[in-house]
PDB file of N, CA and C in Angstrom:
ATOM      1  N   MET A   1     171.306 157.757 -25.391  1.00  0.00           N
ATOM      2  CA  MET A   1     170.501 158.779 -25.998  1.00  0.00           C
ATOM      3  C   MET A   1     171.348 160.012 -26.306  1.00  0.00           C
ATOM      4  N   ARG A   2     172.197 160.372 -25.401  1.00  0.00           N
ATOM      5  CA  ARG A   2     173.025 161.561 -25.564  1.00  0.00           C
ATOM      6  C   ARG A   2     173.879 161.473 -26.818  1.00  0.00           C
ATOM      7  N   THR A   3     174.422 160.293 -27.090  1.00  0.00           N
ATOM      8  CA  THR A   3     175.319 160.122 -28.230  1.00  0.00           C
ATOM      9  C   THR A   3     174.626 159.523 -29.444  1.00  0.00           C
ATOM     10  N   GLY A   4     173.460 158.935 -29.254  1.00  0.00           N
ATOM     11  CA  GLY A   4     172.779 158.250 -30.340  1.00  0.00           C
ATOM     12  C   GLY A   4     173.281 156.839 -30.553  1.00  0.00           C
ATOM     13  N   ARG A   5     174.216 156.408 -29.726  1.00  0.00           N
ATOM     14  CA  ARG A   5     174.789 155.065 -29.866  1.00  0.00           C
ATOM     15  C   ARG A   5     173.692 154.018 -29.697  1.00  0.00           C
ATOM     16  N   GLY A   6     173.671 153.054 -30.600  1.00  0.00           N
ATOM     17  CA  GLY A   6     172.679 151.987 -30.548  1.00  0.00           C
ATOM     18  C   GLY A   6     171.379 152.336 -31.250  1.00  0.00           C
ATOM     19  N   LEU A   7     171.278 153.547 -31.745  1.00  0.00           N
ATOM     20  CA  LEU A   7     170.071 153.973 -32.458  1.00  0.00           C
ATOM     21  C   LEU A   7     170.383 154.166 -33.931  1.00  0.00           C
ATOM     22  N   LYS A   8     169.379 154.007 -34.752  1.00  0.00           N
ATOM     23  CA  LYS A   8     169.545 154.376 -36.148  1.00  0.00           C
ATOM     24  C   LYS A   8     169.767 155.887 -36.204  1.00  0.00           C
ATOM     25  N   PRO A   9     170.577 156.377 -37.138  1.00  0.00           N
ATOM     26  CA  PRO A   9     170.825 157.821 -37.220  1.00  0.00           C
ATOM     27  C   PRO A   9     169.538 158.649 -37.307  1.00  0.00           C
ATOM     28  N   ALA A  10     168.562 158.169 -38.051  1.00  0.00           N
ATOM     29  CA  ALA A  10     167.300 158.912 -38.170  1.00  0.00           C
ATOM     30  C   ALA A  10     166.576 158.995 -36.828  1.00  0.00           C
ATOM     31  N   THR A  11     166.642 157.930 -36.050  1.00  0.00           N
ATOM     32  CA  THR A  11     166.011 157.926 -34.728  1.00  0.00           C
ATOM     33  C   THR A  11     166.740 158.876 -33.791  1.00  0.00           C
ATOM     34  N   ALA A  12     168.055 158.853 -33.808  1.00  0.00           N
ATOM     35  CA  ALA A  12     168.844 159.750 -32.958  1.00  0.00           C
ATOM     36  C   ALA A  12     168.532 161.207 -33.274  1.00  0.00           C
ATOM     37  N   ARG A  13     168.352 161.539 -34.549  1.00  0.00           N
ATOM     38  CA  ARG A  13     168.008 162.917 -34.931  1.00  0.00           C
ATOM     39  C   ARG A  13     166.663 163.333 -34.357  1.00  0.00           C
ATOM     40  N   LEU A  14     165.706 162.403 -34.313  1.00  0.00           N
ATOM     41  CA  LEU A  14     164.379 162.728 -33.779  1.00  0.00           C
ATOM     42  C   LEU A  14     164.429 163.116 -32.301  1.00  0.00           C
ATOM     43  N   LEU A  15     165.441 162.654 -31.594  1.00  0.00           N
ATOM     44  CA  LEU A  15     165.587 163.000 -30.178  1.00  0.00           C
ATOM     45  C   LEU A  15     166.188 164.383 -29.971  1.00  0.00           C
ATOM     46  N   ARG A  16     166.611 165.022 -31.067  1.00  0.00           N
ATOM     47  CA  ARG A  16     167.231 166.350 -30.966  1.00  0.00           C
ATOM     48  C   ARG A  16     166.504 167.408 -31.776  1.00  0.00           C
ATOM     49  N   LEU A  17     165.460 167.014 -32.484  1.00  0.00           N
ATOM     50  CA  LEU A  17     164.714 167.967 -33.310  1.00  0.00           C
ATOM     51  C   LEU A  17     163.364 168.268 -32.684  1.00  0.00           C
ATOM     52  N   PRO A  18     163.016 169.552 -32.550  1.00  0.00           N
ATOM     53  CA  PRO A  18     161.706 169.889 -31.996  1.00  0.00           C
ATOM     54  C   PRO A  18     160.575 169.326 -32.852  1.00  0.00           C
ATOM     55  N   ALA A  19     159.634 168.668 -32.204  1.00  0.00           N
ATOM     56  CA  ALA A  19     158.431 168.180 -32.884  1.00  0.00           C
ATOM     57  C   ALA A  19     157.270 169.135 -32.640  1.00  0.00           C
ATOM     58  N   THR A  20     157.264 169.756 -31.455  1.00  0.00           N
ATOM     59  CA  THR A  20     156.201 170.691 -31.099  1.00  0.00           C
ATOM     60  C   THR A  20     156.702 171.603 -29.978  1.00  0.00           C
ATOM     61  N   PRO A  21     156.258 172.854 -29.968  1.00  0.00           N
ATOM     62  CA  PRO A  21     156.647 173.730 -28.857  1.00  0.00           C
ATOM     63  C   PRO A  21     155.924 173.333 -27.574  1.00  0.00           C
ATOM     64  N   ALA A  22     156.444 173.783 -26.459  1.00  0.00           N
ATOM     65  CA  ALA A  22     155.785 173.533 -25.172  1.00  0.00           C
ATOM     66  C   ALA A  22     154.397 174.156 -25.206  1.00  0.00           C
ATOM     67  N   ASP A  23     153.435 173.439 -24.696  1.00  0.00           N
ATOM     68  CA  ASP A  23     152.048 173.905 -24.675  1.00  0.00           C
ATOM     69  C   ASP A  23     151.490 173.636 -23.290  1.00  0.00           C
ATOM     70  N   ARG A  24     150.945 174.635 -22.697  1.00  0.00           N
ATOM     71  CA  ARG A  24     150.402 174.491 -21.341  1.00  0.00           C
ATOM     72  C   ARG A  24     148.913 174.176 -21.348  1.00  0.00           C
ATOM     73  N   CYS A  25     148.408 173.691 -22.462  1.00  0.00           N
ATOM     74  CA  CYS A  25     147.016 173.226 -22.560  1.00  0.00           C
ATOM     75  C   CYS A  25     146.025 174.283 -22.078  1.00  0.00           C
ATOM     76  N   GLY A  26     146.103 175.462 -22.652  1.00  0.00           N
ATOM     77  CA  GLY A  26     145.153 176.517 -22.329  1.00  0.00           C
ATOM     78  C   GLY A  26     145.551 177.402 -21.170  1.00  0.00           C
ATOM     79  N   GLN A  27     146.625 177.062 -20.467  1.00  0.00           N
ATOM     80  CA  GLN A  27     147.103 177.896 -19.363  1.00  0.00           C
ATOM     81  C   GLN A  27     147.935 179.052 -19.926  1.00  0.00           C
ATOM     82  N   PRO A  28     148.042 180.150 -19.187  1.00  0.00           N
ATOM     83  CA  PRO A  28     148.843 181.283 -19.670  1.00  0.00           C
ATOM     84  C   PRO A  28     150.302 180.883 -19.900  1.00  0.00           C
ATOM     85  N   ALA A  29     150.890 181.457 -20.935  1.00  0.00           N
ATOM     86  CA  ALA A  29     152.297 181.193 -21.246  1.00  0.00           C
ATOM     87  C   ALA A  29     153.190 181.818 -20.179  1.00  0.00           C
ATOM     88  N   THR A  30     154.381 181.244 -20.023  1.00  0.00           N
ATOM     89  CA  THR A  30     155.373 181.775 -19.083  1.00  0.00           C
ATOM     90  C   THR A  30     156.656 182.087 -19.846  1.00  0.00           C
ATOM     91  N   ALA A  31     157.585 182.757 -19.194  1.00  0.00           N
ATOM     92  CA  ALA A  31     158.861 183.100 -19.824  1.00  0.00           C
ATOM     93  C   ALA A  31     159.622 181.856 -20.262  1.00  0.00           C
ATOM     94  N   ALA A  32     159.479 180.769 -19.531  1.00  0.00           N
ATOM     95  CA  ALA A  32     160.214 179.542 -19.861  1.00  0.00           C
ATOM     96  C   ALA A  32     159.709 178.889 -21.145  1.00  0.00           C
ATOM     97  N   ASP A  33     158.449 179.103 -21.486  1.00  0.00           N
ATOM     98  CA  ASP A  33     157.856 178.426 -22.650  1.00  0.00           C
ATOM     99  C   ASP A  33     158.638 178.656 -23.937  1.00  0.00           C
ATOM    100  N   ALA A  34     159.182 179.842 -24.119  1.00  0.00           N
ATOM    101  CA  ALA A  34     159.914 180.158 -25.347  1.00  0.00           C
ATOM    102  C   ALA A  34     161.193 179.338 -25.488  1.00  0.00           C
ATOM    103  N   HIS A  35     161.625 178.700 -24.420  1.00  0.00           N
ATOM    104  CA  HIS A  35     162.885 177.954 -24.422  1.00  0.00           C
ATOM    105  C   HIS A  35     162.689 176.443 -24.370  1.00  0.00           C
ATOM    106  N   ILE A  36     161.427 175.987 -24.408  1.00  0.00           N
ATOM    107  CA  ILE A  36     161.120 174.565 -24.268  1.00  0.00           C
ATOM    108  C   ILE A  36     160.369 174.064 -25.493  1.00  0.00           C
ATOM    109  N   ASP A  37     160.803 172.944 -26.029  1.00  0.00           N
ATOM    110  CA  ASP A  37     160.110 172.227 -27.103  1.00  0.00           C
ATOM    111  C   ASP A  37     160.044 170.766 -26.703  1.00  0.00           C
ATOM    112  N   TRP A  38     159.229 170.027 -27.440  1.00  0.00           N
ATOM    113  CA  TRP A  38     159.178 168.580 -27.255  1.00  0.00           C
ATOM    114  C   TRP A  38     159.697 167.902 -28.505  1.00  0.00           C
ATOM    115  N   ALA A  39     160.612 166.969 -28.317  1.00  0.00           N
ATOM    116  CA  ALA A  39     161.065 166.080 -29.384  1.00  0.00           C
ATOM    117  C   ALA A  39     160.267 164.792 -29.209  1.00  0.00           C
ATOM    118  N   CYS A  40     160.678 163.743 -29.866  1.00  0.00           N
ATOM    119  CA  CYS A  40     159.987 162.458 -29.716  1.00  0.00           C
ATOM    120  C   CYS A  40     160.406 161.810 -28.398  1.00  0.00           C
ATOM    121  N   GLY A  41     159.596 161.986 -27.375  1.00  0.00           N
ATOM    122  CA  GLY A  41     159.835 161.335 -26.096  1.00  0.00           C
ATOM    123  C   GLY A  41     160.624 162.113 -25.071  1.00  0.00           C
ATOM    124  N   VAL A  42     161.247 163.216 -25.449  1.00  0.00           N
ATOM    125  CA  VAL A  42     162.028 164.010 -24.496  1.00  0.00           C
ATOM    126  C   VAL A  42     161.762 165.488 -24.709  1.00  0.00           C
ATOM    127  N   GLY A  43     162.003 166.245 -23.648  1.00  0.00           N
ATOM    128  CA  GLY A  43     161.954 167.691 -23.768  1.00  0.00           C
ATOM    129  C   GLY A  43     163.276 168.197 -24.312  1.00  0.00           C
ATOM    130  N   LEU A  44     163.206 169.321 -25.002  1.00  0.00           N
ATOM    131  CA  LEU A  44     164.403 170.019 -25.458  1.00  0.00           C
ATOM    132  C   LEU A  44     164.382 171.402 -24.832  1.00  0.00           C
ATOM    133  N   ALA A  45     165.519 171.865 -24.399  1.00  0.00           N
ATOM    134  CA  ALA A  45     165.601 173.194 -23.802  1.00  0.00           C
ATOM    135  C   ALA A  45     166.865 173.885 -24.277  1.00  0.00           C
ATOM    136  N   THR A  46     166.746 175.178 -24.527  1.00  0.00           N
ATOM    137  CA  THR A  46     167.941 175.965 -24.761  1.00  0.00           C
ATOM    138  C   THR A  46     168.508 176.323 -23.396  1.00  0.00           C
ATOM    139  N   THR A  47     169.796 176.164 -23.246  1.00  0.00           N
ATOM    140  CA  THR A  47     170.465 176.518 -21.991  1.00  0.00           C
ATOM    141  C   THR A  47     171.701 177.334 -22.330  1.00  0.00           C
ATOM    142  N   SER A  48     172.291 177.933 -21.336  1.00  0.00           N
ATOM    143  CA  SER A  48     173.541 178.654 -21.548  1.00  0.00           C
ATOM    144  C   SER A  48     174.677 177.682 -21.875  1.00  0.00           C
ATOM    145  N   GLN A  49     174.437 176.380 -21.715  1.00  0.00           N
ATOM    146  CA  GLN A  49     175.422 175.346 -22.029  1.00  0.00           C
ATOM    147  C   GLN A  49     175.153 174.691 -23.388  1.00  0.00           C
ATOM    148  N   GLY A  50     174.138 175.159 -24.112  1.00  0.00           N
ATOM    149  CA  GLY A  50     173.766 174.570 -25.390  1.00  0.00           C
ATOM    150  C   GLY A  50     172.451 173.810 -25.277  1.00  0.00           C
ATOM    151  N   LEU A  51     172.154 173.023 -26.291  1.00  0.00           N
ATOM    152  CA  LEU A  51     170.925 172.229 -26.311  1.00  0.00           C
ATOM    153  C   LEU A  51     170.935 171.205 -25.185  1.00  0.00           C
ATOM    154  N   ALA A  52     169.795 171.066 -24.524  1.00  0.00           N
ATOM    155  CA  ALA A  52     169.639 170.050 -23.479  1.00  0.00           C
ATOM    156  C   ALA A  52     168.451 169.166 -23.817  1.00  0.00           C
ATOM    157  N   GLN A  53     168.597 167.882 -23.572  1.00  0.00           N
ATOM    158  CA  GLN A  53     167.488 166.931 -23.611  1.00  0.00           C
ATOM    159  C   GLN A  53     167.138 166.641 -22.162  1.00  0.00           C
ATOM    160  N   TRP A  54     165.848 166.576 -21.859  1.00  0.00           N
ATOM    161  CA  TRP A  54     165.470 166.386 -20.459  1.00  0.00           C
ATOM    162  C   TRP A  54     164.115 165.704 -20.354  1.00  0.00           C
ATOM    163  N   GLN A  55     163.849 165.198 -19.172  1.00  0.00           N
ATOM    164  CA  GLN A  55     162.547 164.598 -18.854  1.00  0.00           C
ATOM    165  C   GLN A  55     162.476 164.454 -17.340  1.00  0.00           C
ATOM    166  N   TRP A  56     161.282 164.326 -16.830  1.00  0.00           N
ATOM    167  CA  TRP A  56     161.099 164.144 -15.392  1.00  0.00           C
ATOM    168  C   TRP A  56     160.142 162.998 -15.150  1.00  0.00           C
ATOM    169  N   GLY A  57     160.150 162.513 -13.933  1.00  0.00           N
ATOM    170  CA  GLY A  57     159.247 161.443 -13.540  1.00  0.00           C
ATOM    171  C   GLY A  57     158.612 161.761 -12.200  1.00  0.00           C
ATOM    172  N   ASP A  58     157.374 161.349 -12.039  1.00  0.00           N
ATOM    173  CA  ASP A  58     156.633 161.623 -10.809  1.00  0.00           C
ATOM    174  C   ASP A  58     155.875 160.365 -10.424  1.00  0.00           C
ATOM    175  N   ASN A  59     156.318 159.742  -9.346  1.00  0.00           N
ATOM    176  CA  ASN A  59     155.667 158.541  -8.843  1.00  0.00           C
ATOM    177  C   ASN A  59     155.340 158.768  -7.366  1.00  0.00           C
ATOM    178  N   GLY A  60     154.430 159.714  -7.144  1.00  0.00           N
ATOM    179  CA  GLY A  60     154.066 160.048  -5.771  1.00  0.00           C
ATOM    180  C   GLY A  60     155.209 160.730  -5.048  1.00  0.00           C
ATOM    181  N   ASN A  61     155.697 160.096  -3.995  1.00  0.00           N
ATOM    182  CA  ASN A  61     156.803 160.675  -3.232  1.00  0.00           C
ATOM    183  C   ASN A  61     158.169 160.415  -3.852  1.00  0.00           C
ATOM    184  N   PHE A  62     158.227 159.732  -4.960  1.00  0.00           N
ATOM    185  CA  PHE A  62     159.485 159.452  -5.634  1.00  0.00           C
ATOM    186  C   PHE A  62     159.530 160.282  -6.912  1.00  0.00           C
ATOM    187  N   LYS A  63     160.539 161.127  -7.038  1.00  0.00           N
ATOM    188  CA  LYS A  63     160.661 162.023  -8.186  1.00  0.00           C
ATOM    189  C   LYS A  63     161.983 161.767  -8.889  1.00  0.00           C
ATOM    190  N   GLY A  64     161.979 161.951 -10.190  1.00  0.00           N
ATOM    191  CA  GLY A  64     163.191 161.782 -10.966  1.00  0.00           C
ATOM    192  C   GLY A  64     163.324 162.875 -12.004  1.00  0.00           C
ATOM    193  N   PHE A  65     164.535 163.104 -12.457  1.00  0.00           N
ATOM    194  CA  PHE A  65     164.819 164.108 -13.479  1.00  0.00           C
ATOM    195  C   PHE A  65     166.114 163.703 -14.161  1.00  0.00           C
ATOM    196  N   PHE A  66     166.168 163.891 -15.483  1.00  0.00           N
ATOM    197  CA  PHE A  66     167.454 163.737 -16.155  1.00  0.00           C
ATOM    198  C   PHE A  66     167.626 164.857 -17.158  1.00  0.00           C
ATOM    199  N   MET A  67     168.873 165.195 -17.395  1.00  0.00           N
ATOM    200  CA  MET A  67     169.225 166.164 -18.428  1.00  0.00           C
ATOM    201  C   MET A  67     170.519 165.703 -19.067  1.00  0.00           C
ATOM    202  N   THR A  68     170.566 165.794 -20.380  1.00  0.00           N
ATOM    203  CA  THR A  68     171.797 165.531 -21.116  1.00  0.00           C
ATOM    204  C   THR A  68     172.156 166.784 -21.888  1.00  0.00           C
ATOM    205  N   LEU A  69     173.427 167.025 -22.023  1.00  0.00           N
ATOM    206  CA  LEU A  69     173.948 168.101 -22.865  1.00  0.00           C
ATOM    207  C   LEU A  69     174.766 167.433 -23.964  1.00  0.00           C
ATOM    208  N   PRO A  70     174.133 167.104 -25.093  1.00  0.00           N
ATOM    209  CA  PRO A  70     174.840 166.368 -26.144  1.00  0.00           C
ATOM    210  C   PRO A  70     176.106 167.063 -26.627  1.00  0.00           C
ATOM    211  N   GLY A  71     176.091 168.377 -26.694  1.00  0.00           N
ATOM    212  CA  GLY A  71     177.262 169.107 -27.160  1.00  0.00           C
ATOM    213  C   GLY A  71     178.460 168.980 -26.235  1.00  0.00           C
ATOM    214  N   ARG A  72     178.210 168.690 -24.981  1.00  0.00           N
ATOM    215  CA  ARG A  72     179.292 168.521 -24.001  1.00  0.00           C
ATOM    216  C   ARG A  72     179.507 167.064 -23.629  1.00  0.00           C
ATOM    217  N   GLN A  73     178.666 166.172 -24.155  1.00  0.00           N
ATOM    218  CA  GLN A  73     178.766 164.743 -23.847  1.00  0.00           C
ATOM    219  C   GLN A  73     178.652 164.493 -22.342  1.00  0.00           C
ATOM    220  N   GLU A  74     177.720 165.196 -21.700  1.00  0.00           N
ATOM    221  CA  GLU A  74     177.494 165.036 -20.269  1.00  0.00           C
ATOM    222  C   GLU A  74     176.022 164.761 -19.998  1.00  0.00           C
ATOM    223  N   SER A  75     175.774 163.962 -18.975  1.00  0.00           N
ATOM    224  CA  SER A  75     174.404 163.628 -18.572  1.00  0.00           C
ATOM    225  C   SER A  75     174.316 163.597 -17.060  1.00  0.00           C
ATOM    226  N   LEU A  76     173.144 163.927 -16.553  1.00  0.00           N
ATOM    227  CA  LEU A  76     172.887 163.867 -15.123  1.00  0.00           C
ATOM    228  C   LEU A  76     171.530 163.216 -14.900  1.00  0.00           C
ATOM    229  N   LEU A  77     171.488 162.223 -14.030  1.00  0.00           N
ATOM    230  CA  LEU A  77     170.236 161.598 -13.602  1.00  0.00           C
ATOM    231  C   LEU A  77     170.104 161.833 -12.114  1.00  0.00           C
ATOM    232  N   LEU A  78     168.924 162.249 -11.690  1.00  0.00           N
ATOM    233  CA  LEU A  78     168.691 162.546 -10.283  1.00  0.00           C
ATOM    234  C   LEU A  78     167.418 161.840  -9.848  1.00  0.00           C
ATOM    235  N   PHE A  79     167.541 160.984  -8.844  1.00  0.00           N
ATOM    236  CA  PHE A  79     166.393 160.268  -8.287  1.00  0.00           C
ATOM    237  C   PHE A  79     166.264 160.654  -6.822  1.00  0.00           C
ATOM    238  N   THR A  80     165.051 160.954  -6.393  1.00  0.00           N
ATOM    239  CA  THR A  80     164.835 161.303  -4.989  1.00  0.00           C
ATOM    240  C   THR A  80     163.687 160.475  -4.432  1.00  0.00           C
ATOM    241  N   ASN A  81     163.702 160.289  -3.136  1.00  0.00           N
ATOM    242  CA  ASN A  81     162.608 159.580  -2.480  1.00  0.00           C
ATOM    243  C   ASN A  81     161.813 160.563  -1.619  1.00  0.00           C
ATOM    244  N   SER A  82     161.544 161.727  -2.204  1.00  0.00           N
ATOM    245  CA  SER A  82     160.800 162.771  -1.515  1.00  0.00           C
ATOM    246  C   SER A  82     159.996 163.568  -2.526  1.00  0.00           C
ATOM    247  N   SER A  83     158.805 163.961  -2.141  1.00  0.00           N
ATOM    248  CA  SER A  83     158.010 164.815  -3.022  1.00  0.00           C
ATOM    249  C   SER A  83     158.643 166.197  -3.151  1.00  0.00           C
ATOM    250  N   ASN A  84     159.607 166.519  -2.293  1.00  0.00           N
ATOM    251  CA  ASN A  84     160.322 167.795  -2.371  1.00  0.00           C
ATOM    252  C   ASN A  84     161.577 167.707  -3.235  1.00  0.00           C
ATOM    253  N   GLY A  85     161.857 166.553  -3.795  1.00  0.00           N
ATOM    254  CA  GLY A  85     163.048 166.362  -4.613  1.00  0.00           C
ATOM    255  C   GLY A  85     163.229 167.375  -5.723  1.00  0.00           C
ATOM    256  N   PRO A  86     162.171 167.745  -6.453  1.00  0.00           N
ATOM    257  CA  PRO A  86     162.351 168.706  -7.540  1.00  0.00           C
ATOM    258  C   PRO A  86     162.930 170.052  -7.101  1.00  0.00           C
ATOM    259  N   GLN A  87     162.804 170.386  -5.839  1.00  0.00           N
ATOM    260  CA  GLN A  87     163.361 171.649  -5.355  1.00  0.00           C
ATOM    261  C   GLN A  87     164.888 171.661  -5.416  1.00  0.00           C
ATOM    262  N   LEU A  88     165.505 170.489  -5.498  1.00  0.00           N
ATOM    263  CA  LEU A  88     166.963 170.380  -5.551  1.00  0.00           C
ATOM    264  C   LEU A  88     167.527 170.442  -6.965  1.00  0.00           C
ATOM    265  N   VAL A  89     166.696 170.191  -7.962  1.00  0.00           N
ATOM    266  CA  VAL A  89     167.198 169.961  -9.317  1.00  0.00           C
ATOM    267  C   VAL A  89     168.000 171.138  -9.853  1.00  0.00           C
ATOM    268  N   ASP A  90     167.487 172.354  -9.755  1.00  0.00           N
ATOM    269  CA  ASP A  90     168.191 173.501 -10.323  1.00  0.00           C
ATOM    270  C   ASP A  90     169.582 173.658  -9.704  1.00  0.00           C
ATOM    271  N   GLU A  91     169.675 173.526  -8.400  1.00  0.00           N
ATOM    272  CA  GLU A  91     170.971 173.656  -7.727  1.00  0.00           C
ATOM    273  C   GLU A  91     171.925 172.534  -8.138  1.00  0.00           C
ATOM    274  N   VAL A  92     171.418 171.320  -8.251  1.00  0.00           N
ATOM    275  CA  VAL A  92     172.266 170.193  -8.660  1.00  0.00           C
ATOM    276  C   VAL A  92     172.746 170.383 -10.100  1.00  0.00           C
ATOM    277  N   LEU A  93     171.882 170.878 -10.985  1.00  0.00           N
ATOM    278  CA  LEU A  93     172.307 171.147 -12.364  1.00  0.00           C
ATOM    279  C   LEU A  93     173.451 172.152 -12.394  1.00  0.00           C
ATOM    280  N   ARG A  94     173.346 173.193 -11.604  1.00  0.00           N
ATOM    281  CA  ARG A  94     174.400 174.216 -11.569  1.00  0.00           C
ATOM    282  C   ARG A  94     175.707 173.662 -10.987  1.00  0.00           C
ATOM    283  N   LEU A  95     175.601 172.796  -9.995  1.00  0.00           N
ATOM    284  CA  LEU A  95     176.803 172.181  -9.430  1.00  0.00           C
ATOM    285  C   LEU A  95     177.471 171.242 -10.432  1.00  0.00           C
ATOM    286  N   PHE A  96     176.666 170.490 -11.177  1.00  0.00           N
ATOM    287  CA  PHE A  96     177.206 169.489 -12.092  1.00  0.00           C
ATOM    288  C   PHE A  96     177.635 170.096 -13.427  1.00  0.00           C
ATOM    289  N   PHE A  97     176.731 170.862 -14.070  1.00  0.00           N
ATOM    290  CA  PHE A  97     177.012 171.407 -15.400  1.00  0.00           C
ATOM    291  C   PHE A  97     177.680 172.779 -15.357  1.00  0.00           C
ATOM    292  N   GLY A  98     177.548 173.497 -14.261  1.00  0.00           N
ATOM    293  CA  GLY A  98     178.115 174.835 -14.158  1.00  0.00           C
ATOM    294  C   GLY A  98     177.021 175.887 -14.138  1.00  0.00           C
ATOM    295  N   PRO A  99     177.411 177.130 -13.840  1.00  0.00           N
ATOM    296  CA  PRO A  99     176.424 178.201 -13.759  1.00  0.00           C
ATOM    297  C   PRO A  99     175.701 178.379 -15.085  1.00  0.00           C
ATOM    298  N   GLY A 100     174.506 178.895 -15.009  1.00  0.00           N
ATOM    299  CA  GLY A 100     173.748 179.159 -16.222  1.00  0.00           C
ATOM    300  C   GLY A 100     172.262 179.078 -15.974  1.00  0.00           C
ATOM    301  N   GLN A 101     171.528 179.233 -17.045  1.00  0.00           N
ATOM    302  CA  GLN A 101     170.068 179.171 -16.997  1.00  0.00           C
ATOM    303  C   GLN A 101     169.616 177.806 -17.500  1.00  0.00           C
ATOM    304  N   TYR A 102     168.848 177.109 -16.687  1.00  0.00           N
ATOM    305  CA  TYR A 102     168.314 175.800 -17.047  1.00  0.00           C
ATOM    306  C   TYR A 102     166.793 175.916 -17.061  1.00  0.00           C
ATOM    307  N   TRP A 103     166.246 176.224 -18.235  1.00  0.00           N
ATOM    308  CA  TRP A 103     164.825 176.544 -18.379  1.00  0.00           C
ATOM    309  C   TRP A 103     163.905 175.391 -18.032  1.00  0.00           C
ATOM    310  N   ALA A 104     164.368 174.176 -18.134  1.00  0.00           N
ATOM    311  CA  ALA A 104     163.496 173.032 -17.840  1.00  0.00           C
ATOM    312  C   ALA A 104     162.990 173.081 -16.403  1.00  0.00           C
ATOM    313  N   THR A 105     163.856 173.450 -15.470  1.00  0.00           N
ATOM    314  CA  THR A 105     163.418 173.504 -14.074  1.00  0.00           C
ATOM    315  C   THR A 105     162.418 174.627 -13.859  1.00  0.00           C
ATOM    316  N   GLN A 106     162.624 175.745 -14.540  1.00  0.00           N
ATOM    317  CA  GLN A 106     161.664 176.852 -14.432  1.00  0.00           C
ATOM    318  C   GLN A 106     160.329 176.444 -15.040  1.00  0.00           C
ATOM    319  N   TRP A 107     160.383 175.747 -16.175  1.00  0.00           N
ATOM    320  CA  TRP A 107     159.152 175.318 -16.845  1.00  0.00           C
ATOM    321  C   TRP A 107     158.360 174.377 -15.944  1.00  0.00           C
ATOM    322  N   LEU A 108     159.046 173.462 -15.277  1.00  0.00           N
ATOM    323  CA  LEU A 108     158.365 172.542 -14.366  1.00  0.00           C
ATOM    324  C   LEU A 108     157.783 173.266 -13.155  1.00  0.00           C
ATOM    325  N   ALA A 109     158.474 174.292 -12.678  1.00  0.00           N
ATOM    326  CA  ALA A 109     158.013 175.020 -11.490  1.00  0.00           C
ATOM    327  C   ALA A 109     156.815 175.915 -11.786  1.00  0.00           C
ATOM    328  N   ASP A 110     156.711 176.382 -13.033  1.00  0.00           N
ATOM    329  CA  ASP A 110     155.602 177.284 -13.395  1.00  0.00           C
ATOM    330  C   ASP A 110     154.357 176.519 -13.446  1.00  0.00           C
TER     331      ASP A 110
END
């Protein structure tokens, strides 16, 4: 997904183009909302490292998160077997990608 390899070029573009802004379904907007959009199947976020593609998973006590930085050709997948797993994501992103603002974690926490 990060490179578009194996996808038609038009499909790869859809994974990097905003289709709709983040919407909290009638809930008050937060500061993170201005930095989050949805592409086809993945979230997009502006970060201090450039465009990020991201998504999360929630299966009860098992949580997952991934983020790719296409401009840097880097990806991180994080799987936890704890309902507290999401509390680690922001710190792990900073350790792996470097210091900066990762709005996806703030958006999920709000």
